[in-house]
Amino acid sequence: MISKYVVPVEQVDAVRAEHLAYVDSLEQRGLLASAGRQDPPVGGVLVLKVTERERALELIAEDPYVKAGVAEYTPVGYVANRGLVTD
């Protein structure tokens, strides 16, 4: 999932702690392979460990960034076959 901020980054940062807590919860539940903010900070990337697009969309709908209306996500299918996230 690739996110794009739809408001100034200062407004995004007001929700960032909640978003990061949510990302932590995804990792604790085994649903996250990798995550990070783009540089420059115009959005971010979440690599989810799910096999169904609908499940990914459900998880993203719960992201505090989405709930607060500060970011939008574009789902991107991805099959890892090299590197650290192939498990």
PDB file of N, CA and C in Angstrom:
ATOM      1  N   MET A   1       0.842  -1.164   0.000  1.00  0.00           N
ATOM      2  CA  MET A   1       0.000   0.000   0.000  1.00  0.00           C
ATOM      3  C   MET A   1       0.895   1.237   0.000  1.00  0.00           C
ATOM      4  N   ILE A   2       0.571   2.157  -0.879  1.00  0.00           N
ATOM      5  CA  ILE A   2       1.314   3.406  -0.948  1.00  0.00           C
ATOM      6  C   ILE A   2       0.360   4.524  -0.557  1.00  0.00           C
ATOM      7  N   SER A   3       0.778   5.315   0.432  1.00  0.00           N
ATOM      8  CA  SER A   3      -0.088   6.405   0.871  1.00  0.00           C
ATOM      9  C   SER A   3       0.395   7.734   0.315  1.00  0.00           C
ATOM     10  N   LYS A   4      -0.562   8.643   0.211  1.00  0.00           N
ATOM     11  CA  LYS A   4      -0.285  10.015  -0.204  1.00  0.00           C
ATOM     12  C   LYS A   4      -0.988  10.921   0.789  1.00  0.00           C
ATOM     13  N   TYR A   5      -0.244  11.856   1.366  1.00  0.00           N
ATOM     14  CA  TYR A   5      -0.859  12.816   2.273  1.00  0.00           C
ATOM     15  C   TYR A   5      -1.720  13.777   1.462  1.00  0.00           C
ATOM     16  N   VAL A   6      -2.904  14.060   1.970  1.00  0.00           N
ATOM     17  CA  VAL A   6      -3.835  14.941   1.264  1.00  0.00           C
ATOM     18  C   VAL A   6      -4.019  16.264   1.995  1.00  0.00           C
ATOM     19  N   VAL A   7      -3.233  16.463   3.035  1.00  0.00           N
ATOM     20  CA  VAL A   7      -3.212  17.708   3.805  1.00  0.00           C
ATOM     21  C   VAL A   7      -1.746  18.038   4.084  1.00  0.00           C
ATOM     22  N   PRO A   8      -1.450  19.254   4.547  1.00  0.00           N
ATOM     23  CA  PRO A   8      -0.061  19.575   4.894  1.00  0.00           C
ATOM     24  C   PRO A   8       0.500  18.610   5.949  1.00  0.00           C
ATOM     25  N   VAL A   9       1.808  18.362   5.862  1.00  0.00           N
ATOM     26  CA  VAL A   9       2.449  17.381   6.739  1.00  0.00           C
ATOM     27  C   VAL A   9       2.257  17.719   8.220  1.00  0.00           C
ATOM     28  N   GLU A  10       2.091  18.983   8.551  1.00  0.00           N
ATOM     29  CA  GLU A  10       1.856  19.361   9.950  1.00  0.00           C
ATOM     30  C   GLU A  10       0.552  18.754  10.468  1.00  0.00           C
ATOM     31  N   GLN A  11      -0.457  18.685   9.621  1.00  0.00           N
ATOM     32  CA  GLN A  11      -1.721  18.054  10.007  1.00  0.00           C
ATOM     33  C   GLN A  11      -1.563  16.538  10.103  1.00  0.00           C
ATOM     34  N   VAL A  12      -0.768  15.969   9.234  1.00  0.00           N
ATOM     35  CA  VAL A  12      -0.483  14.536   9.291  1.00  0.00           C
ATOM     36  C   VAL A  12       0.211  14.214  10.609  1.00  0.00           C
ATOM     37  N   ASP A  13       1.197  15.027  10.965  1.00  0.00           N
ATOM     38  CA  ASP A  13       1.973  14.780  12.179  1.00  0.00           C
ATOM     39  C   ASP A  13       1.122  14.838  13.440  1.00  0.00           C
ATOM     40  N   ALA A  14       0.008  15.554  13.403  1.00  0.00           N
ATOM     41  CA  ALA A  14      -0.890  15.610  14.557  1.00  0.00           C
ATOM     42  C   ALA A  14      -1.528  14.253  14.840  1.00  0.00           C
ATOM     43  N   VAL A  15      -1.572  13.380  13.836  1.00  0.00           N
ATOM     44  CA  VAL A  15      -2.187  12.054  13.968  1.00  0.00           C
ATOM     45  C   VAL A  15      -1.118  10.952  13.956  1.00  0.00           C
ATOM     46  N   ARG A  16       0.120  11.332  13.777  1.00  0.00           N
ATOM     47  CA  ARG A  16       1.200  10.358  13.564  1.00  0.00           C
ATOM     48  C   ARG A  16       1.358   9.354  14.710  1.00  0.00           C
ATOM     49  N   ALA A  17       1.277   9.790  15.949  1.00  0.00           N
ATOM     50  CA  ALA A  17       1.447   8.859  17.078  1.00  0.00           C
ATOM     51  C   ALA A  17       0.393   7.752  17.030  1.00  0.00           C
ATOM     52  N   GLU A  18      -0.848   8.119  16.721  1.00  0.00           N
ATOM     53  CA  GLU A  18      -1.916   7.115  16.609  1.00  0.00           C
ATOM     54  C   GLU A  18      -1.647   6.167  15.438  1.00  0.00           C
ATOM     55  N   HIS A  19      -1.211   6.737  14.320  1.00  0.00           N
ATOM     56  CA  HIS A  19      -0.892   5.925  13.142  1.00  0.00           C
ATOM     57  C   HIS A  19       0.230   4.934  13.460  1.00  0.00           C
ATOM     58  N   LEU A  20       1.294   5.416  14.100  1.00  0.00           N
ATOM     59  CA  LEU A  20       2.419   4.537  14.422  1.00  0.00           C
ATOM     60  C   LEU A  20       2.014   3.440  15.396  1.00  0.00           C
ATOM     61  N   ALA A  21       1.125   3.754  16.332  1.00  0.00           N
ATOM     62  CA  ALA A  21       0.613   2.721  17.247  1.00  0.00           C
ATOM     63  C   ALA A  21      -0.161   1.667  16.458  1.00  0.00           C
ATOM     64  N   TYR A  22      -0.922   2.108  15.464  1.00  0.00           N
ATOM     65  CA  TYR A  22      -1.663   1.160  14.629  1.00  0.00           C
ATOM     66  C   TYR A  22      -0.701   0.289  13.816  1.00  0.00           C
ATOM     67  N   VAL A  23       0.330   0.900  13.253  1.00  0.00           N
ATOM     68  CA  VAL A  23       1.332   0.145  12.498  1.00  0.00           C
ATOM     69  C   VAL A  23       2.016  -0.872  13.417  1.00  0.00           C
ATOM     70  N   ASP A  24       2.328  -0.465  14.647  1.00  0.00           N
ATOM     71  CA  ASP A  24       2.900  -1.403  15.626  1.00  0.00           C
ATOM     72  C   ASP A  24       1.963  -2.584  15.859  1.00  0.00           C
ATOM     73  N   SER A  25       0.662  -2.305  15.944  1.00  0.00           N
ATOM     74  CA  SER A  25      -0.300  -3.392  16.176  1.00  0.00           C
ATOM     75  C   SER A  25      -0.346  -4.348  14.984  1.00  0.00           C
ATOM     76  N   LEU A  26      -0.206  -3.823  13.777  1.00  0.00           N
ATOM     77  CA  LEU A  26      -0.148  -4.694  12.596  1.00  0.00           C
ATOM     78  C   LEU A  26       1.068  -5.611  12.674  1.00  0.00           C
ATOM     79  N   GLU A  27       2.193  -5.045  13.086  1.00  0.00           N
ATOM     80  CA  GLU A  27       3.416  -5.843  13.203  1.00  0.00           C
ATOM     81  C   GLU A  27       3.265  -6.915  14.283  1.00  0.00           C
ATOM     82  N   GLN A  28       2.705  -6.551  15.420  1.00  0.00           N
ATOM     83  CA  GLN A  28       2.521  -7.504  16.520  1.00  0.00           C
ATOM     84  C   GLN A  28       1.596  -8.648  16.125  1.00  0.00           C
ATOM     85  N   ARG A  29       0.650  -8.372  15.237  1.00  0.00           N
ATOM     86  CA  ARG A  29      -0.286  -9.408  14.785  1.00  0.00           C
ATOM     87  C   ARG A  29       0.242 -10.205  13.594  1.00  0.00           C
ATOM     88  N   GLY A  30       1.467  -9.913  13.177  1.00  0.00           N
ATOM     89  CA  GLY A  30       2.068 -10.640  12.064  1.00  0.00           C
ATOM     90  C   GLY A  30       1.535 -10.235  10.706  1.00  0.00           C
ATOM     91  N   LEU A  31       0.986  -9.026  10.600  1.00  0.00           N
ATOM     92  CA  LEU A  31       0.364  -8.573   9.355  1.00  0.00           C
ATOM     93  C   LEU A  31       1.214  -7.573   8.572  1.00  0.00           C
ATOM     94  N   LEU A  32       2.391  -7.232   9.091  1.00  0.00           N
ATOM     95  CA  LEU A  32       3.222  -6.200   8.478  1.00  0.00           C
ATOM     96  C   LEU A  32       4.606  -6.745   8.169  1.00  0.00           C
ATOM     97  N   ALA A  33       5.054  -6.553   6.928  1.00  0.00           N
ATOM     98  CA  ALA A  33       6.411  -6.940   6.545  1.00  0.00           C
ATOM     99  C   ALA A  33       7.366  -5.761   6.661  1.00  0.00           C
ATOM    100  N   SER A  34       6.889  -4.562   6.306  1.00  0.00           N
ATOM    101  CA  SER A  34       7.737  -3.378   6.333  1.00  0.00           C
ATOM    102  C   SER A  34       6.859  -2.135   6.262  1.00  0.00           C
ATOM    103  N   ALA A  35       7.380  -1.031   6.785  1.00  0.00           N
ATOM    104  CA  ALA A  35       6.645   0.234   6.729  1.00  0.00           C
ATOM    105  C   ALA A  35       7.627   1.386   6.836  1.00  0.00           C
ATOM    106  N   GLY A  36       7.262   2.509   6.242  1.00  0.00           N
ATOM    107  CA  GLY A  36       8.097   3.693   6.370  1.00  0.00           C
ATOM    108  C   GLY A  36       7.500   4.881   5.648  1.00  0.00           C
ATOM    109  N   ARG A  37       7.998   6.047   6.014  1.00  0.00           N
ATOM    110  CA  ARG A  37       7.571   7.299   5.402  1.00  0.00           C
ATOM    111  C   ARG A  37       8.417   7.556   4.156  1.00  0.00           C
ATOM    112  N   GLN A  38       7.802   8.107   3.137  1.00  0.00           N
ATOM    113  CA  GLN A  38       8.545   8.486   1.937  1.00  0.00           C
ATOM    114  C   GLN A  38       9.462   9.666   2.259  1.00  0.00           C
ATOM    115  N   ASP A  39      10.503   9.827   1.460  1.00  0.00           N
ATOM    116  CA  ASP A  39      11.427  10.944   1.624  1.00  0.00           C
ATOM    117  C   ASP A  39      11.562  11.640   0.285  1.00  0.00           C
ATOM    118  N   PRO A  40      11.031  12.842   0.151  1.00  0.00           N
ATOM    119  CA  PRO A  40      10.458  13.721   1.168  1.00  0.00           C
ATOM    120  C   PRO A  40       9.120  13.199   1.689  1.00  0.00           C
ATOM    121  N   PRO A  41       8.673  13.715   2.845  1.00  0.00           N
ATOM    122  CA  PRO A  41       7.472  13.183   3.503  1.00  0.00           C
ATOM    123  C   PRO A  41       6.167  13.594   2.818  1.00  0.00           C
ATOM    124  N   VAL A  42       5.848  12.875   1.737  1.00  0.00           N
ATOM    125  CA  VAL A  42       4.608  13.134   1.007  1.00  0.00           C
ATOM    126  C   VAL A  42       3.621  11.981   1.158  1.00  0.00           C
ATOM    127  N   GLY A  43       4.030  10.956   1.913  1.00  0.00           N
ATOM    128  CA  GLY A  43       3.215   9.766   2.114  1.00  0.00           C
ATOM    129  C   GLY A  43       4.085   8.676   2.698  1.00  0.00           C
ATOM    130  N   GLY A  44       3.640   7.438   2.536  1.00  0.00           N
ATOM    131  CA  GLY A  44       4.397   6.324   3.086  1.00  0.00           C
ATOM    132  C   GLY A  44       4.123   5.041   2.335  1.00  0.00           C
ATOM    133  N   VAL A  45       4.731   3.966   2.826  1.00  0.00           N
ATOM    134  CA  VAL A  45       4.567   2.645   2.231  1.00  0.00           C
ATOM    135  C   VAL A  45       4.341   1.640   3.347  1.00  0.00           C
ATOM    136  N   LEU A  46       3.323   0.803   3.190  1.00  0.00           N
ATOM    137  CA  LEU A  46       3.081  -0.325   4.083  1.00  0.00           C
ATOM    138  C   LEU A  46       3.103  -1.590   3.234  1.00  0.00           C
ATOM    139  N   VAL A  47       3.949  -2.531   3.596  1.00  0.00           N
ATOM    140  CA  VAL A  47       3.954  -3.837   2.941  1.00  0.00           C
ATOM    141  C   VAL A  47       3.263  -4.785   3.906  1.00  0.00           C
ATOM    142  N   LEU A  48       2.043  -5.151   3.560  1.00  0.00           N
ATOM    143  CA  LEU A  48       1.232  -6.004   4.428  1.00  0.00           C
ATOM    144  C   LEU A  48       1.430  -7.470   4.082  1.00  0.00           C
ATOM    145  N   LYS A  49       1.346  -8.311   5.091  1.00  0.00           N
ATOM    146  CA  LYS A  49       1.452  -9.765   4.900  1.00  0.00           C
ATOM    147  C   LYS A  49       0.048 -10.351   4.816  1.00  0.00           C
ATOM    148  N   VAL A  50      -0.632 -10.054   3.729  1.00  0.00           N
ATOM    149  CA  VAL A  50      -1.962 -10.602   3.479  1.00  0.00           C
ATOM    150  C   VAL A  50      -1.998 -11.098   2.044  1.00  0.00           C
ATOM    151  N   THR A  51      -2.866 -12.046   1.783  1.00  0.00           N
ATOM    152  CA  THR A  51      -2.941 -12.606   0.434  1.00  0.00           C
ATOM    153  C   THR A  51      -4.134 -12.087  -0.354  1.00  0.00           C
ATOM    154  N   GLU A  52      -5.074 -11.469   0.330  1.00  0.00           N
ATOM    155  CA  GLU A  52      -6.278 -10.992  -0.350  1.00  0.00           C
ATOM    156  C   GLU A  52      -6.367  -9.472  -0.305  1.00  0.00           C
ATOM    157  N   ARG A  53      -6.659  -8.886  -1.443  1.00  0.00           N
ATOM    158  CA  ARG A  53      -6.800  -7.434  -1.556  1.00  0.00           C
ATOM    159  C   ARG A  53      -7.844  -6.901  -0.586  1.00  0.00           C
ATOM    160  N   GLU A  54      -8.957  -7.601  -0.458  1.00  0.00           N
ATOM    161  CA  GLU A  54     -10.029  -7.138   0.433  1.00  0.00           C
ATOM    162  C   GLU A  54      -9.549  -7.033   1.874  1.00  0.00           C
ATOM    163  N   ARG A  55      -8.717  -7.983   2.304  1.00  0.00           N
ATOM    164  CA  ARG A  55      -8.178  -7.931   3.666  1.00  0.00           C
ATOM    165  C   ARG A  55      -7.274  -6.716   3.834  1.00  0.00           C
ATOM    166  N   ALA A  56      -6.458  -6.425   2.838  1.00  0.00           N
ATOM    167  CA  ALA A  56      -5.597  -5.245   2.891  1.00  0.00           C
ATOM    168  C   ALA A  56      -6.436  -3.975   3.001  1.00  0.00           C
ATOM    169  N   LEU A  57      -7.503  -3.896   2.224  1.00  0.00           N
ATOM    170  CA  LEU A  57      -8.367  -2.716   2.264  1.00  0.00           C
ATOM    171  C   LEU A  57      -9.052  -2.571   3.618  1.00  0.00           C
ATOM    172  N   GLU A  58      -9.446  -3.689   4.222  1.00  0.00           N
ATOM    173  CA  GLU A  58     -10.042  -3.651   5.566  1.00  0.00           C
ATOM    174  C   GLU A  58      -9.053  -3.091   6.579  1.00  0.00           C
ATOM    175  N   LEU A  59      -7.818  -3.561   6.513  1.00  0.00           N
ATOM    176  CA  LEU A  59      -6.801  -3.091   7.458  1.00  0.00           C
ATOM    177  C   LEU A  59      -6.512  -1.610   7.269  1.00  0.00           C
ATOM    178  N   ILE A  60      -6.418  -1.168   6.038  1.00  0.00           N
ATOM    179  CA  ILE A  60      -6.125   0.236   5.766  1.00  0.00           C
ATOM    180  C   ILE A  60      -7.276   1.132   6.202  1.00  0.00           C
ATOM    181  N   ALA A  61      -8.493   0.659   6.092  1.00  0.00           N
ATOM    182  CA  ALA A  61      -9.653   1.454   6.522  1.00  0.00           C
ATOM    183  C   ALA A  61      -9.599   1.772   8.009  1.00  0.00           C
ATOM    184  N   GLU A  62      -8.868   0.962   8.782  1.00  0.00           N
ATOM    185  CA  GLU A  62      -8.742   1.180  10.223  1.00  0.00           C
ATOM    186  C   GLU A  62      -7.563   2.081  10.592  1.00  0.00           C
ATOM    187  N   ASP A  63      -6.739   2.438   9.627  1.00  0.00           N
ATOM    188  CA  ASP A  63      -5.573   3.291   9.890  1.00  0.00           C
ATOM    189  C   ASP A  63      -6.050   4.674  10.352  1.00  0.00           C
ATOM    190  N   PRO A  64      -5.509   5.177  11.460  1.00  0.00           N
ATOM    191  CA  PRO A  64      -5.897   6.511  11.925  1.00  0.00           C
ATOM    192  C   PRO A  64      -5.694   7.614  10.888  1.00  0.00           C
ATOM    193  N   TYR A  65      -4.716   7.477  10.011  1.00  0.00           N
ATOM    194  CA  TYR A  65      -4.552   8.463   8.943  1.00  0.00           C
ATOM    195  C   TYR A  65      -5.783   8.497   8.046  1.00  0.00           C
ATOM    196  N   VAL A  66      -6.304   7.339   7.707  1.00  0.00           N
ATOM    197  CA  VAL A  66      -7.491   7.264   6.852  1.00  0.00           C
ATOM    198  C   VAL A  66      -8.704   7.793   7.604  1.00  0.00           C
ATOM    199  N   LYS A  67      -8.863   7.355   8.837  1.00  0.00           N
ATOM    200  CA  LYS A  67     -10.012   7.797   9.636  1.00  0.00           C
ATOM    201  C   LYS A  67     -10.019   9.309   9.837  1.00  0.00           C
ATOM    202  N   ALA A  68      -8.826   9.918   9.950  1.00  0.00           N
ATOM    203  CA  ALA A  68      -8.727  11.366  10.140  1.00  0.00           C
ATOM    204  C   ALA A  68      -8.767  12.127   8.820  1.00  0.00           C
ATOM    205  N   GLY A  69      -8.729  11.403   7.702  1.00  0.00           N
ATOM    206  CA  GLY A  69      -8.792  12.050   6.397  1.00  0.00           C
ATOM    207  C   GLY A  69      -7.525  12.781   5.995  1.00  0.00           C
ATOM    208  N   VAL A  70      -6.363  12.358   6.538  1.00  0.00           N
ATOM    209  CA  VAL A  70      -5.114  13.041   6.205  1.00  0.00           C
ATOM    210  C   VAL A  70      -4.302  12.320   5.133  1.00  0.00           C
ATOM    211  N   ALA A  71      -4.674  11.068   4.833  1.00  0.00           N
ATOM    212  CA  ALA A  71      -3.941  10.305   3.819  1.00  0.00           C
ATOM    213  C   ALA A  71      -4.891   9.380   3.079  1.00  0.00           C
ATOM    214  N   GLU A  72      -4.519   9.076   1.854  1.00  0.00           N
ATOM    215  CA  GLU A  72      -5.235   8.098   1.038  1.00  0.00           C
ATOM    216  C   GLU A  72      -4.229   7.039   0.610  1.00  0.00           C
ATOM    217  N   TYR A  73      -4.683   5.793   0.533  1.00  0.00           N
ATOM    218  CA  TYR A  73      -3.813   4.686   0.144  1.00  0.00           C
ATOM    219  C   TYR A  73      -4.199   4.156  -1.227  1.00  0.00           C
ATOM    220  N   THR A  74      -3.186   3.753  -1.984  1.00  0.00           N
ATOM    221  CA  THR A  74      -3.369   3.048  -3.242  1.00  0.00           C
ATOM    222  C   THR A  74      -2.863   1.625  -3.042  1.00  0.00           C
ATOM    223  N   PRO A  75      -3.741   0.637  -3.238  1.00  0.00           N
ATOM    224  CA  PRO A  75      -3.278  -0.745  -3.097  1.00  0.00           C
ATOM    225  C   PRO A  75      -2.423  -1.148  -4.296  1.00  0.00           C
ATOM    226  N   VAL A  76      -1.315  -1.806  -4.001  1.00  0.00           N
ATOM    227  CA  VAL A  76      -0.407  -2.289  -5.034  1.00  0.00           C
ATOM    228  C   VAL A  76      -0.091  -3.744  -4.715  1.00  0.00           C
ATOM    229  N   GLY A  77      -0.413  -4.643  -5.630  1.00  0.00           N
ATOM    230  CA  GLY A  77      -0.079  -6.049  -5.432  1.00  0.00           C
ATOM    231  C   GLY A  77       1.427  -6.249  -5.497  1.00  0.00           C
ATOM    232  N   TYR A  78       1.921  -7.210  -4.731  1.00  0.00           N
ATOM    233  CA  TYR A  78       3.366  -7.403  -4.631  1.00  0.00           C
ATOM    234  C   TYR A  78       3.641  -8.842  -4.229  1.00  0.00           C
ATOM    235  N   VAL A  79       4.503  -9.510  -4.973  1.00  0.00           N
ATOM    236  CA  VAL A  79       4.929 -10.864  -4.630  1.00  0.00           C
ATOM    237  C   VAL A  79       6.444 -10.829  -4.470  1.00  0.00           C
ATOM    238  N   ALA A  80       6.912 -10.974  -3.231  1.00  0.00           N
ATOM    239  CA  ALA A  80       8.354 -10.942  -2.964  1.00  0.00           C
ATOM    240  C   ALA A  80       8.983 -12.268  -3.374  1.00  0.00           C
ATOM    241  N   ASN A  81      10.065 -12.192  -4.137  1.00  0.00           N
ATOM    242  CA  ASN A  81      10.786 -13.420  -4.472  1.00  0.00           C
ATOM    243  C   ASN A  81      12.287 -13.297  -4.245  1.00  0.00           C
ATOM    244  N   ARG A  82      12.719 -12.156  -3.738  1.00  0.00           N
ATOM    245  CA  ARG A  82      14.125 -11.938  -3.393  1.00  0.00           C
ATOM    246  C   ARG A  82      14.187 -11.020  -2.177  1.00  0.00           C
ATOM    247  N   GLY A  83      15.267 -11.121  -1.437  1.00  0.00           N
ATOM    248  CA  GLY A  83      15.507 -10.193  -0.345  1.00  0.00           C
ATOM    249  C   GLY A  83      14.974 -10.667   0.989  1.00  0.00           C
ATOM    250  N   LEU A  84      14.889  -9.728   1.906  1.00  0.00           N
ATOM    251  CA  LEU A  84      14.569 -10.035   3.295  1.00  0.00           C
ATOM    252  C   LEU A  84      13.108 -10.322   3.569  1.00  0.00           C
ATOM    253  N   VAL A  85      12.204  -9.901   2.708  1.00  0.00           N
ATOM    254  CA  VAL A  85      10.769 -10.064   2.998  1.00  0.00           C
ATOM    255  C   VAL A  85      10.136 -11.178   2.168  1.00  0.00           C
ATOM    256  N   THR A  86      10.873 -12.222   1.887  1.00  0.00           N
ATOM    257  CA  THR A  86      10.337 -13.304   1.063  1.00  0.00           C
ATOM    258  C   THR A  86       9.613 -14.370   1.862  1.00  0.00           C
ATOM    259  N   ASP A  87       9.682 -14.323   3.183  1.00  0.00           N
ATOM    260  CA  ASP A  87       8.989 -15.327   4.010  1.00  0.00           C
ATOM    261  C   ASP A  87       7.505 -15.060   4.083  1.00  0.00           C
TER     262      ASP A  87
END
